[in-house]
């Protein structure tokens, strides 16, 4: 099922306007370099950002937060360094898989990956074991600056609750809704996704949502 009509398109825009007015610019994604953002996108799987921050700090203090240095670190040593992020053995292997992809497909040149065309870059990421659509698109948007909208559980929850997308929408169909209804712009996609996360955490919770005071409370009722 696909929602139609200018009313829905206007709603997508109105939601962005309201969230920005309520929360202000979010300044996502925290990171000093595209490579740090790529690492963070994997470390943030199934954990909160505070835990990721601790793991990133460990890598920085060890002088390993660059592609050449991290590529030379054994997986077990990497796992120890990123332990605060949780599932550290699994994430260390996923980071290793990502680094290996860059080494093999882009001859170890990170810039070649970052400057790759969007379709090819996304295909390369999705072939990496342990990287799914959300992680891949986070890397593409926040590290490489591609205009691709990141979908997460907050997005599905908020927009399905407002009857703007079907409850059964999958990742691809929900992303397509955003791509069709909003101009292709990495900066606004970045901000919009961050604002959706802010709303999902503070108001539109999975259980016991706080509708009172929500900036979208009177919208699309």
N, C-alpha and C. Protein backbone atom coordinates (compact mmCIF):
# COMPACT_ATOMS: atom_id res chain seq x y z
N UNK A 1 0.84 -1.20 0.00
CA UNK A 1 0.00 0.00 0.00
C UNK A 1 0.88 1.24 0.00
N UNK A 2 0.53 2.23 -0.81
CA UNK A 2 1.31 3.46 -0.87
C UNK A 2 0.37 4.64 -0.69
N UNK A 3 0.70 5.51 0.22
CA UNK A 3 -0.12 6.69 0.42
C UNK A 3 0.04 7.62 -0.76
N UNK A 4 -1.01 8.41 -1.06
CA UNK A 4 -0.98 9.27 -2.23
C UNK A 4 -1.47 10.66 -1.84
N UNK A 5 -1.23 11.62 -2.75
CA UNK A 5 -1.87 12.92 -2.63
C UNK A 5 -0.99 14.00 -2.07
N UNK A 6 -1.32 15.23 -2.46
CA UNK A 6 -0.56 16.40 -2.00
C UNK A 6 -0.71 16.62 -0.51
N UNK A 7 -1.84 16.20 0.06
CA UNK A 7 -2.05 16.37 1.50
C UNK A 7 -0.98 15.63 2.30
N UNK A 8 -0.66 14.40 1.86
CA UNK A 8 0.37 13.63 2.55
C UNK A 8 1.73 14.26 2.37
N UNK A 9 2.04 14.74 1.17
CA UNK A 9 3.31 15.40 0.93
C UNK A 9 3.45 16.63 1.82
N UNK A 10 2.38 17.40 1.94
CA UNK A 10 2.40 18.58 2.81
C UNK A 10 2.61 18.18 4.26
N UNK A 11 2.05 17.03 4.65
CA UNK A 11 2.21 16.56 6.03
C UNK A 11 3.66 16.23 6.34
N UNK A 12 4.36 15.60 5.39
CA UNK A 12 5.78 15.28 5.58
C UNK A 12 6.58 16.57 5.81
N UNK A 13 6.26 17.59 5.04
CA UNK A 13 6.95 18.87 5.18
C UNK A 13 6.58 19.57 6.49
N UNK A 14 5.30 19.52 6.83
CA UNK A 14 4.82 20.15 8.05
C UNK A 14 5.45 19.51 9.29
N UNK A 15 5.58 18.21 9.28
CA UNK A 15 6.20 17.51 10.41
C UNK A 15 7.64 17.98 10.60
N UNK A 16 8.38 18.07 9.50
CA UNK A 16 9.76 18.54 9.59
C UNK A 16 9.82 19.96 10.18
N UNK A 17 8.95 20.83 9.70
CA UNK A 17 8.93 22.22 10.18
C UNK A 17 8.63 22.28 11.68
N UNK A 18 7.66 21.49 12.11
CA UNK A 18 7.28 21.50 13.52
C UNK A 18 8.39 20.93 14.42
N UNK A 19 8.99 19.85 13.97
CA UNK A 19 10.04 19.23 14.78
C UNK A 19 11.25 20.15 14.90
N UNK A 20 11.60 20.81 13.81
CA UNK A 20 12.74 21.72 13.84
C UNK A 20 12.46 22.90 14.77
N UNK A 21 11.24 23.41 14.73
CA UNK A 21 10.87 24.52 15.60
C UNK A 21 10.89 24.10 17.07
N UNK A 22 10.49 22.87 17.33
CA UNK A 22 10.41 22.39 18.72
C UNK A 22 11.78 22.01 19.29
N UNK A 23 12.54 21.22 18.54
CA UNK A 23 13.80 20.67 19.05
C UNK A 23 15.02 21.49 18.66
N UNK A 24 14.93 22.25 17.56
CA UNK A 24 16.10 22.97 17.07
C UNK A 24 17.03 22.04 16.31
N UNK A 25 18.05 22.58 15.64
CA UNK A 25 19.01 21.76 14.90
C UNK A 25 19.70 20.75 15.81
N UNK A 26 19.87 19.54 15.32
CA UNK A 26 20.41 18.45 16.14
C UNK A 26 21.92 18.25 15.99
N UNK A 27 22.50 18.75 14.91
CA UNK A 27 23.95 18.65 14.75
C UNK A 27 24.46 17.23 14.57
N UNK A 28 23.70 16.40 13.89
CA UNK A 28 24.12 15.02 13.65
C UNK A 28 25.04 14.94 12.43
N UNK A 29 25.88 13.94 12.27
CA UNK A 29 26.19 12.87 13.21
C UNK A 29 27.45 13.28 13.95
N UNK A 30 27.53 13.07 15.27
CA UNK A 30 28.75 13.44 15.98
C UNK A 30 29.95 12.64 15.50
N UNK A 31 31.00 13.33 15.11
CA UNK A 31 32.21 12.66 14.62
C UNK A 31 33.15 13.68 14.02
N UNK A 32 34.44 13.47 14.19
CA UNK A 32 35.44 14.41 13.71
C UNK A 32 35.87 14.14 12.27
N UNK A 33 35.45 13.02 11.72
CA UNK A 33 35.85 12.67 10.36
C UNK A 33 34.83 11.69 9.78
N UNK A 34 34.79 11.58 8.45
CA UNK A 34 33.90 10.58 7.85
C UNK A 34 34.19 9.16 8.35
N UNK A 35 35.47 8.85 8.55
CA UNK A 35 35.81 7.51 9.02
C UNK A 35 35.27 7.26 10.43
N UNK A 36 35.38 8.24 11.29
CA UNK A 36 34.83 8.10 12.64
C UNK A 36 33.33 7.87 12.59
N UNK A 37 32.64 8.55 11.69
CA UNK A 37 31.20 8.37 11.54
C UNK A 37 30.88 6.96 11.06
N UNK A 38 31.68 6.43 10.15
CA UNK A 38 31.48 5.07 9.66
C UNK A 38 31.64 4.06 10.79
N UNK A 39 32.66 4.24 11.59
CA UNK A 39 32.88 3.34 12.73
C UNK A 39 31.70 3.45 13.70
N UNK A 40 31.28 4.68 13.98
CA UNK A 40 30.17 4.90 14.90
C UNK A 40 28.87 4.27 14.42
N UNK A 41 28.65 4.26 13.10
CA UNK A 41 27.43 3.69 12.54
C UNK A 41 27.32 2.20 12.83
N UNK A 42 28.45 1.51 12.89
CA UNK A 42 28.44 0.10 13.22
C UNK A 42 28.37 -0.10 14.73
N UNK A 43 29.11 0.70 15.48
CA UNK A 43 29.12 0.54 16.93
C UNK A 43 27.76 0.86 17.56
N UNK A 44 26.97 1.71 16.93
CA UNK A 44 25.69 2.11 17.52
C UNK A 44 24.59 1.08 17.33
N UNK A 45 24.87 0.01 16.60
CA UNK A 45 23.87 -1.05 16.44
C UNK A 45 23.53 -1.65 17.80
N UNK A 46 22.25 -1.64 18.15
CA UNK A 46 21.75 -2.26 19.38
C UNK A 46 22.35 -1.70 20.66
N UNK A 47 22.66 -0.41 20.66
CA UNK A 47 23.14 0.21 21.90
C UNK A 47 22.86 1.70 21.84
N UNK A 48 23.13 2.40 22.95
CA UNK A 48 22.91 3.85 22.96
C UNK A 48 24.21 4.59 22.67
N UNK A 49 24.06 5.87 22.35
CA UNK A 49 25.22 6.63 21.89
C UNK A 49 26.27 6.82 22.98
N UNK A 50 25.87 6.88 24.23
CA UNK A 50 26.85 7.06 25.30
C UNK A 50 27.84 5.90 25.34
N UNK A 51 27.36 4.70 25.11
CA UNK A 51 28.26 3.54 25.05
C UNK A 51 29.17 3.61 23.84
N UNK A 52 28.64 4.08 22.74
CA UNK A 52 29.46 4.25 21.53
C UNK A 52 30.54 5.28 21.77
N UNK A 53 30.18 6.36 22.44
CA UNK A 53 31.15 7.42 22.72
C UNK A 53 32.36 6.89 23.50
N UNK A 54 32.09 6.02 24.45
CA UNK A 54 33.18 5.43 25.24
C UNK A 54 34.10 4.58 24.37
N UNK A 55 33.49 3.81 23.48
CA UNK A 55 34.29 2.97 22.58
C UNK A 55 35.11 3.83 21.62
N UNK A 56 34.50 4.88 21.09
CA UNK A 56 35.20 5.79 20.19
C UNK A 56 36.38 6.45 20.91
N UNK A 57 36.16 6.82 22.16
CA UNK A 57 37.23 7.44 22.96
C UNK A 57 38.39 6.48 23.13
N UNK A 58 38.09 5.21 23.37
CA UNK A 58 39.15 4.20 23.48
C UNK A 58 39.98 4.13 22.21
N UNK A 59 39.31 4.15 21.07
CA UNK A 59 40.03 4.09 19.79
C UNK A 59 40.87 5.34 19.57
N UNK A 60 40.32 6.50 19.94
CA UNK A 60 41.06 7.75 19.79
C UNK A 60 42.30 7.75 20.67
N UNK A 61 42.13 7.36 21.92
CA UNK A 61 43.26 7.37 22.86
C UNK A 61 44.35 6.39 22.44
N UNK A 62 43.94 5.33 21.73
CA UNK A 62 44.92 4.36 21.25
C UNK A 62 45.52 4.79 19.91
N UNK A 63 45.06 5.93 19.37
CA UNK A 63 45.58 6.43 18.11
C UNK A 63 45.20 5.58 16.92
N UNK A 64 44.00 4.98 16.97
CA UNK A 64 43.61 4.02 15.94
C UNK A 64 42.43 4.46 15.08
N UNK A 65 41.97 5.69 15.26
CA UNK A 65 40.75 6.08 14.56
C UNK A 65 41.04 6.67 13.18
N UNK A 66 41.68 5.86 12.37
CA UNK A 66 41.88 6.19 10.95
C UNK A 66 41.86 4.86 10.20
N UNK A 67 41.55 4.93 8.91
CA UNK A 67 41.47 3.68 8.15
C UNK A 67 42.79 2.90 8.16
N UNK A 68 43.93 3.51 7.88
CA UNK A 68 45.18 2.73 7.84
C UNK A 68 45.52 2.07 9.18
N UNK A 69 45.35 2.80 10.29
CA UNK A 69 45.74 2.25 11.58
C UNK A 69 44.77 1.17 12.06
N UNK A 70 43.47 1.41 11.88
CA UNK A 70 42.50 0.44 12.37
C UNK A 70 42.53 -0.84 11.54
N UNK A 71 42.88 -0.71 10.27
CA UNK A 71 42.95 -1.89 9.40
C UNK A 71 44.02 -2.87 9.85
N UNK A 72 45.03 -2.36 10.55
CA UNK A 72 46.14 -3.21 10.98
C UNK A 72 45.91 -3.86 12.33
N UNK A 73 44.80 -3.55 12.99
CA UNK A 73 44.54 -4.07 14.33
C UNK A 73 43.85 -5.43 14.24
N UNK A 74 44.37 -6.44 14.94
CA UNK A 74 43.71 -7.75 14.96
C UNK A 74 42.30 -7.64 15.53
N UNK A 75 41.41 -8.51 15.08
CA UNK A 75 40.01 -8.44 15.48
C UNK A 75 39.84 -8.58 16.98
N UNK A 76 40.60 -9.46 17.62
CA UNK A 76 40.44 -9.65 19.06
C UNK A 76 40.88 -8.41 19.84
N UNK A 77 41.91 -7.74 19.37
CA UNK A 77 42.34 -6.49 20.02
C UNK A 77 41.31 -5.39 19.81
N UNK A 78 40.75 -5.34 18.62
CA UNK A 78 39.71 -4.36 18.32
C UNK A 78 38.49 -4.60 19.22
N UNK A 79 38.13 -5.84 19.40
CA UNK A 79 36.98 -6.18 20.26
C UNK A 79 37.19 -5.66 21.67
N UNK A 80 38.39 -5.79 22.18
CA UNK A 80 38.69 -5.31 23.54
C UNK A 80 38.52 -3.79 23.63
N UNK A 81 38.96 -3.09 22.61
CA UNK A 81 38.90 -1.63 22.63
C UNK A 81 37.46 -1.10 22.54
N UNK A 82 36.61 -1.82 21.82
CA UNK A 82 35.23 -1.32 21.63
C UNK A 82 34.25 -2.00 22.59
N UNK A 83 34.76 -2.63 23.63
CA UNK A 83 33.93 -3.37 24.58
C UNK A 83 32.76 -2.55 25.13
N UNK A 84 32.93 -1.24 25.42
CA UNK A 84 31.80 -0.48 25.98
C UNK A 84 30.57 -0.43 25.07
N UNK A 85 30.73 -0.69 23.77
CA UNK A 85 29.61 -0.59 22.84
C UNK A 85 28.69 -1.80 22.87
N UNK A 86 29.08 -2.86 23.59
CA UNK A 86 28.27 -4.06 23.64
C UNK A 86 28.41 -4.90 22.38
N UNK A 87 28.13 -6.20 22.51
CA UNK A 87 28.27 -7.12 21.38
C UNK A 87 29.61 -6.89 20.69
N UNK A 88 30.65 -6.69 21.49
CA UNK A 88 31.92 -6.19 20.96
C UNK A 88 32.63 -7.17 20.02
N UNK A 89 32.48 -8.48 20.27
CA UNK A 89 33.12 -9.44 19.36
C UNK A 89 32.45 -9.39 17.98
N UNK A 90 31.13 -9.31 17.99
CA UNK A 90 30.38 -9.25 16.74
C UNK A 90 30.68 -7.95 15.99
N UNK A 91 30.70 -6.84 16.72
CA UNK A 91 30.94 -5.55 16.07
C UNK A 91 32.37 -5.42 15.58
N UNK A 92 33.30 -6.02 16.30
CA UNK A 92 34.70 -6.00 15.83
C UNK A 92 34.82 -6.72 14.50
N UNK A 93 34.10 -7.84 14.37
CA UNK A 93 34.14 -8.58 13.10
C UNK A 93 33.47 -7.78 12.00
N UNK A 94 32.38 -7.08 12.33
CA UNK A 94 31.70 -6.28 11.32
C UNK A 94 32.56 -5.11 10.86
N UNK A 95 33.25 -4.49 11.80
CA UNK A 95 34.18 -3.42 11.42
C UNK A 95 35.28 -3.97 10.53
N UNK A 96 35.79 -5.13 10.90
CA UNK A 96 36.84 -5.77 10.09
C UNK A 96 36.31 -6.05 8.68
N UNK A 97 35.07 -6.52 8.59
CA UNK A 97 34.48 -6.80 7.27
C UNK A 97 34.38 -5.52 6.42
N UNK A 98 34.00 -4.42 7.07
CA UNK A 98 33.91 -3.14 6.36
C UNK A 98 35.28 -2.70 5.86
N UNK A 99 36.27 -2.79 6.72
CA UNK A 99 37.63 -2.40 6.36
C UNK A 99 38.17 -3.25 5.22
N UNK A 100 37.84 -4.54 5.27
CA UNK A 100 38.28 -5.44 4.21
C UNK A 100 37.62 -5.10 2.88
N UNK A 101 36.36 -4.71 2.93
CA UNK A 101 35.68 -4.31 1.69
C UNK A 101 36.37 -3.11 1.05
N UNK A 102 36.73 -2.14 1.88
CA UNK A 102 37.42 -0.95 1.34
C UNK A 102 38.80 -1.34 0.80
N UNK A 103 39.45 -2.25 1.47
CA UNK A 103 40.77 -2.70 1.03
C UNK A 103 40.70 -3.42 -0.31
N UNK A 104 39.70 -4.28 -0.46
CA UNK A 104 39.60 -5.10 -1.67
C UNK A 104 38.97 -4.33 -2.83
N UNK A 105 37.86 -3.67 -2.55
CA UNK A 105 37.10 -3.03 -3.64
C UNK A 105 37.67 -1.66 -4.02
N UNK A 106 38.28 -0.98 -3.04
CA UNK A 106 38.77 0.38 -3.30
C UNK A 106 40.28 0.50 -3.06
N UNK A 107 40.95 -0.64 -3.09
CA UNK A 107 42.42 -0.69 -2.97
C UNK A 107 42.92 0.04 -1.72
N UNK A 108 42.11 0.02 -0.66
CA UNK A 108 42.52 0.63 0.59
C UNK A 108 42.43 2.14 0.62
N UNK A 109 41.77 2.72 -0.38
CA UNK A 109 41.63 4.18 -0.43
C UNK A 109 40.23 4.58 0.01
N UNK A 110 40.11 5.08 1.22
CA UNK A 110 38.81 5.45 1.77
C UNK A 110 38.13 6.51 0.91
N UNK A 111 38.90 7.45 0.38
CA UNK A 111 38.32 8.53 -0.41
C UNK A 111 37.63 8.00 -1.67
N UNK A 112 38.13 6.92 -2.22
CA UNK A 112 37.48 6.34 -3.40
C UNK A 112 36.08 5.86 -3.04
N UNK A 113 35.95 5.27 -1.86
CA UNK A 113 34.62 4.84 -1.42
C UNK A 113 33.73 6.04 -1.16
N UNK A 114 34.24 7.04 -0.45
CA UNK A 114 33.44 8.21 -0.09
C UNK A 114 32.98 8.99 -1.33
N UNK A 115 33.76 8.92 -2.40
CA UNK A 115 33.41 9.63 -3.64
C UNK A 115 32.70 8.74 -4.66
N UNK A 116 32.43 7.52 -4.28
CA UNK A 116 31.76 6.59 -5.17
C UNK A 116 30.32 7.05 -5.42
N UNK A 117 29.77 6.72 -6.59
CA UNK A 117 28.38 7.03 -6.89
C UNK A 117 27.48 6.28 -5.91
N UNK A 118 26.35 6.90 -5.58
CA UNK A 118 25.46 6.35 -4.56
C UNK A 118 25.05 4.89 -4.81
N UNK A 119 24.54 4.53 -5.98
CA UNK A 119 24.11 3.13 -6.16
C UNK A 119 25.23 2.12 -5.92
N UNK A 120 26.41 2.41 -6.44
CA UNK A 120 27.53 1.49 -6.29
C UNK A 120 28.01 1.43 -4.85
N UNK A 121 28.05 2.58 -4.18
CA UNK A 121 28.49 2.62 -2.79
C UNK A 121 27.52 1.85 -1.90
N UNK A 122 26.23 2.01 -2.14
CA UNK A 122 25.23 1.30 -1.33
C UNK A 122 25.31 -0.21 -1.57
N UNK A 123 25.50 -0.58 -2.82
CA UNK A 123 25.64 -2.00 -3.14
C UNK A 123 26.86 -2.59 -2.43
N UNK A 124 27.96 -1.85 -2.44
CA UNK A 124 29.18 -2.33 -1.78
C UNK A 124 28.96 -2.53 -0.28
N UNK A 125 28.28 -1.60 0.35
CA UNK A 125 28.03 -1.70 1.79
C UNK A 125 27.11 -2.87 2.12
N UNK A 126 26.06 -3.06 1.33
CA UNK A 126 25.09 -4.11 1.63
C UNK A 126 25.66 -5.50 1.40
N UNK A 127 26.77 -5.58 0.69
CA UNK A 127 27.44 -6.87 0.51
C UNK A 127 28.34 -7.22 1.69
N UNK A 128 28.56 -6.26 2.58
CA UNK A 128 29.39 -6.49 3.77
C UNK A 128 28.57 -7.22 4.82
N UNK A 129 29.05 -8.35 5.28
CA UNK A 129 28.33 -9.12 6.29
C UNK A 129 28.20 -8.32 7.58
N UNK A 130 26.96 -8.17 8.05
CA UNK A 130 26.71 -7.42 9.28
C UNK A 130 26.24 -6.00 9.05
N UNK A 131 26.18 -5.57 7.79
CA UNK A 131 25.69 -4.22 7.48
C UNK A 131 24.38 -4.34 6.72
N UNK A 132 23.31 -3.85 7.35
CA UNK A 132 22.00 -3.85 6.73
C UNK A 132 21.67 -2.48 6.18
N UNK A 133 20.45 -2.30 5.69
CA UNK A 133 20.07 -1.04 5.05
C UNK A 133 20.23 0.19 5.95
N UNK A 134 19.83 0.10 7.22
CA UNK A 134 19.91 1.28 8.09
C UNK A 134 21.35 1.70 8.33
N UNK A 135 22.23 0.75 8.63
CA UNK A 135 23.64 1.08 8.84
C UNK A 135 24.28 1.58 7.55
N UNK A 136 23.96 0.94 6.44
CA UNK A 136 24.52 1.36 5.15
C UNK A 136 24.11 2.79 4.83
N UNK A 137 22.82 3.08 5.00
CA UNK A 137 22.34 4.42 4.67
C UNK A 137 22.84 5.48 5.64
N UNK A 138 23.08 5.10 6.89
CA UNK A 138 23.68 6.03 7.85
C UNK A 138 25.08 6.42 7.39
N UNK A 139 25.84 5.45 6.92
CA UNK A 139 27.18 5.73 6.41
C UNK A 139 27.11 6.60 5.16
N UNK A 140 26.19 6.26 4.27
CA UNK A 140 26.07 7.01 3.01
C UNK A 140 25.65 8.45 3.24
N UNK A 141 24.72 8.66 4.16
CA UNK A 141 24.24 10.02 4.43
C UNK A 141 25.23 10.81 5.26
N UNK A 142 25.60 10.28 6.42
CA UNK A 142 26.37 11.06 7.39
C UNK A 142 27.87 11.10 7.11
N UNK A 143 28.40 10.05 6.52
CA UNK A 143 29.84 10.04 6.23
C UNK A 143 30.15 10.51 4.82
N UNK A 144 29.34 10.04 3.84
CA UNK A 144 29.63 10.34 2.44
C UNK A 144 28.80 11.50 1.89
N UNK A 145 27.77 11.94 2.63
CA UNK A 145 26.98 13.08 2.20
C UNK A 145 26.03 12.81 1.05
N UNK A 146 25.62 11.55 0.89
CA UNK A 146 24.66 11.22 -0.16
C UNK A 146 23.23 11.52 0.30
N UNK A 147 22.37 11.98 -0.61
CA UNK A 147 20.98 12.25 -0.23
C UNK A 147 20.15 10.98 -0.17
N UNK A 148 20.32 10.24 0.91
CA UNK A 148 19.55 9.01 1.12
C UNK A 148 18.93 9.09 2.51
N UNK A 149 17.63 8.87 2.61
CA UNK A 149 16.94 9.03 3.88
C UNK A 149 17.09 7.76 4.71
N UNK A 150 17.55 7.92 5.94
CA UNK A 150 17.74 6.79 6.84
C UNK A 150 16.42 6.46 7.54
N UNK A 151 16.03 5.21 7.49
CA UNK A 151 14.79 4.75 8.12
C UNK A 151 15.15 3.93 9.36
N UNK A 152 14.41 4.17 10.44
CA UNK A 152 14.60 3.37 11.64
C UNK A 152 13.25 3.09 12.28
N UNK A 153 13.26 2.46 13.43
CA UNK A 153 12.01 2.09 14.10
C UNK A 153 11.21 3.32 14.50
N UNK A 154 11.88 4.42 14.84
CA UNK A 154 11.18 5.65 15.19
C UNK A 154 10.38 6.18 13.99
N UNK A 155 11.00 6.14 12.82
CA UNK A 155 10.34 6.63 11.60
C UNK A 155 9.06 5.84 11.34
N UNK A 156 9.17 4.53 11.39
CA UNK A 156 8.00 3.68 11.14
C UNK A 156 6.91 3.94 12.17
N UNK A 157 7.30 4.03 13.42
CA UNK A 157 6.32 4.21 14.50
C UNK A 157 5.57 5.53 14.35
N UNK A 158 6.30 6.61 14.17
CA UNK A 158 5.68 7.95 14.12
C UNK A 158 4.78 8.10 12.91
N UNK A 159 5.26 7.70 11.74
CA UNK A 159 4.51 7.95 10.52
C UNK A 159 3.36 6.96 10.34
N UNK A 160 3.48 5.77 10.88
CA UNK A 160 2.34 4.85 10.81
C UNK A 160 1.28 5.24 11.84
N UNK A 161 1.68 5.74 12.99
CA UNK A 161 0.71 6.20 13.98
C UNK A 161 -0.10 7.38 13.47
N UNK A 162 0.51 8.16 12.60
CA UNK A 162 -0.21 9.30 12.01
C UNK A 162 -0.88 8.93 10.67
N UNK A 163 -0.90 7.62 10.38
CA UNK A 163 -1.56 7.10 9.17
C UNK A 163 -1.00 7.70 7.88
N UNK A 164 0.29 8.02 7.91
CA UNK A 164 0.95 8.54 6.71
C UNK A 164 1.61 7.44 5.90
N UNK A 165 1.87 6.31 6.54
CA UNK A 165 2.41 5.14 5.85
C UNK A 165 1.67 3.93 6.39
N UNK A 166 1.68 2.86 5.64
CA UNK A 166 1.02 1.64 6.07
C UNK A 166 1.78 0.99 7.21
N UNK A 167 1.04 0.38 8.11
CA UNK A 167 1.65 -0.32 9.25
C UNK A 167 2.63 -1.39 8.79
N UNK A 168 2.31 -2.03 7.67
CA UNK A 168 3.15 -3.13 7.18
C UNK A 168 4.30 -2.66 6.29
N UNK A 169 4.54 -1.35 6.21
CA UNK A 169 5.63 -0.83 5.37
C UNK A 169 6.97 -1.43 5.77
N UNK A 170 7.75 -1.83 4.76
CA UNK A 170 9.10 -2.31 5.04
C UNK A 170 10.08 -1.16 4.84
N UNK A 171 11.37 -1.45 5.04
CA UNK A 171 12.38 -0.41 4.97
C UNK A 171 12.35 0.31 3.62
N UNK A 172 12.35 -0.47 2.54
CA UNK A 172 12.44 0.12 1.20
C UNK A 172 11.23 0.98 0.89
N UNK A 173 10.02 0.47 1.16
CA UNK A 173 8.82 1.22 0.81
C UNK A 173 8.69 2.50 1.63
N UNK A 174 9.10 2.44 2.90
CA UNK A 174 9.03 3.63 3.74
C UNK A 174 10.06 4.66 3.28
N UNK A 175 11.24 4.22 2.94
CA UNK A 175 12.26 5.14 2.42
C UNK A 175 11.80 5.78 1.13
N UNK A 176 11.13 5.01 0.31
CA UNK A 176 10.62 5.53 -0.96
C UNK A 176 9.61 6.66 -0.75
N UNK A 177 8.81 6.54 0.30
CA UNK A 177 7.86 7.61 0.62
C UNK A 177 8.58 8.93 0.84
N UNK A 178 9.67 8.89 1.61
CA UNK A 178 10.43 10.12 1.89
C UNK A 178 11.11 10.64 0.63
N UNK A 179 11.69 9.74 -0.14
CA UNK A 179 12.39 10.16 -1.35
C UNK A 179 11.43 10.79 -2.37
N UNK A 180 10.21 10.29 -2.41
CA UNK A 180 9.25 10.82 -3.38
C UNK A 180 8.63 12.13 -2.92
N UNK A 181 8.56 12.36 -1.62
CA UNK A 181 7.83 13.51 -1.09
C UNK A 181 8.72 14.68 -0.67
N UNK A 182 10.02 14.45 -0.61
CA UNK A 182 10.94 15.50 -0.19
C UNK A 182 12.03 15.71 -1.24
N UNK A 183 12.52 16.94 -1.41
CA UNK A 183 13.64 17.17 -2.33
C UNK A 183 14.87 16.36 -1.89
N UNK A 184 15.61 15.86 -2.87
CA UNK A 184 16.81 15.06 -2.56
C UNK A 184 17.91 15.98 -2.06
N UNK A 185 18.04 16.09 -0.75
CA UNK A 185 19.01 17.00 -0.15
C UNK A 185 19.60 16.36 1.11
N UNK A 186 20.89 16.11 1.10
CA UNK A 186 21.52 15.42 2.21
C UNK A 186 21.41 16.19 3.52
N UNK A 187 21.51 17.52 3.46
CA UNK A 187 21.46 18.33 4.69
C UNK A 187 20.11 18.21 5.37
N UNK A 188 19.03 18.35 4.59
CA UNK A 188 17.70 18.27 5.19
C UNK A 188 17.35 16.84 5.59
N UNK A 189 17.81 15.84 4.84
CA UNK A 189 17.60 14.45 5.23
C UNK A 189 18.30 14.16 6.57
N UNK A 190 19.51 14.68 6.69
CA UNK A 190 20.27 14.54 7.93
C UNK A 190 19.47 15.08 9.11
N UNK A 191 19.03 16.32 8.97
CA UNK A 191 18.31 16.98 10.07
C UNK A 191 16.98 16.30 10.36
N UNK A 192 16.26 15.93 9.33
CA UNK A 192 14.94 15.32 9.51
C UNK A 192 15.06 14.01 10.28
N UNK A 193 15.99 13.18 9.88
CA UNK A 193 16.16 11.89 10.58
C UNK A 193 16.50 12.11 12.05
N UNK A 194 17.41 13.04 12.31
CA UNK A 194 17.80 13.32 13.69
C UNK A 194 16.60 13.82 14.52
N UNK A 195 15.76 14.64 13.91
CA UNK A 195 14.58 15.17 14.59
C UNK A 195 13.56 14.07 14.87
N UNK A 196 13.42 13.14 13.95
CA UNK A 196 12.53 12.00 14.16
C UNK A 196 12.99 11.18 15.36
N UNK A 197 14.29 10.97 15.47
CA UNK A 197 14.83 10.23 16.61
C UNK A 197 14.54 10.97 17.92
N UNK A 198 14.71 12.29 17.90
CA UNK A 198 14.44 13.09 19.09
C UNK A 198 12.98 12.96 19.51
N UNK A 199 12.07 13.03 18.54
CA UNK A 199 10.64 12.89 18.84
C UNK A 199 10.32 11.50 19.37
N UNK A 200 10.90 10.48 18.75
CA UNK A 200 10.65 9.11 19.19
C UNK A 200 11.12 8.83 20.60
N UNK A 201 12.23 9.43 20.97
CA UNK A 201 12.77 9.22 22.31
C UNK A 201 11.98 9.98 23.38
N UNK A 202 11.58 11.20 23.05
CA UNK A 202 10.96 12.05 24.07
C UNK A 202 9.44 11.91 24.13
N UNK A 203 8.80 11.71 22.99
CA UNK A 203 7.35 11.70 22.98
C UNK A 203 6.74 10.41 22.43
N UNK A 204 7.09 10.06 21.18
CA UNK A 204 6.42 8.95 20.51
C UNK A 204 7.09 7.62 20.85
N UNK A 205 7.01 7.27 22.12
CA UNK A 205 7.66 6.05 22.60
C UNK A 205 6.88 4.81 22.17
N UNK A 206 7.57 3.69 22.18
CA UNK A 206 6.95 2.43 21.77
C UNK A 206 5.78 2.09 22.68
N UNK A 207 5.99 2.24 23.98
CA UNK A 207 4.92 2.04 24.95
C UNK A 207 4.77 3.33 25.76
N UNK A 208 3.56 3.59 26.21
CA UNK A 208 3.26 4.80 26.97
C UNK A 208 3.75 6.08 26.29
N UNK A 209 3.31 6.31 25.05
CA UNK A 209 3.72 7.55 24.36
C UNK A 209 3.20 8.77 25.09
N UNK A 210 4.00 9.85 25.06
CA UNK A 210 3.63 11.12 25.68
C UNK A 210 3.00 12.03 24.63
N UNK A 211 1.72 11.87 24.38
CA UNK A 211 1.06 12.68 23.36
C UNK A 211 0.85 14.12 23.84
N UNK A 212 0.67 14.29 25.14
CA UNK A 212 0.49 15.63 25.69
C UNK A 212 1.78 16.42 25.54
N UNK A 213 1.69 17.55 24.85
CA UNK A 213 2.87 18.39 24.65
C UNK A 213 3.68 18.04 23.43
N UNK A 214 3.30 16.96 22.74
CA UNK A 214 4.02 16.58 21.52
C UNK A 214 3.80 17.64 20.44
N UNK A 215 4.84 18.02 19.73
CA UNK A 215 4.68 19.05 18.69
C UNK A 215 3.76 18.60 17.53
N UNK A 216 3.46 17.31 17.46
CA UNK A 216 2.59 16.81 16.41
C UNK A 216 1.20 16.46 16.94
N UNK A 217 0.92 16.83 18.17
CA UNK A 217 -0.31 16.40 18.84
C UNK A 217 -1.57 16.77 18.05
N UNK A 218 -1.62 17.97 17.52
CA UNK A 218 -2.83 18.41 16.82
C UNK A 218 -2.74 18.26 15.30
N UNK A 219 -1.69 17.57 14.85
CA UNK A 219 -1.51 17.41 13.41
C UNK A 219 -2.13 16.11 12.93
N UNK A 220 -2.88 16.19 11.87
CA UNK A 220 -3.45 15.01 11.22
C UNK A 220 -4.35 14.22 12.16
N UNK A 221 -5.05 14.91 13.03
CA UNK A 221 -5.92 14.22 13.96
C UNK A 221 -7.23 13.80 13.28
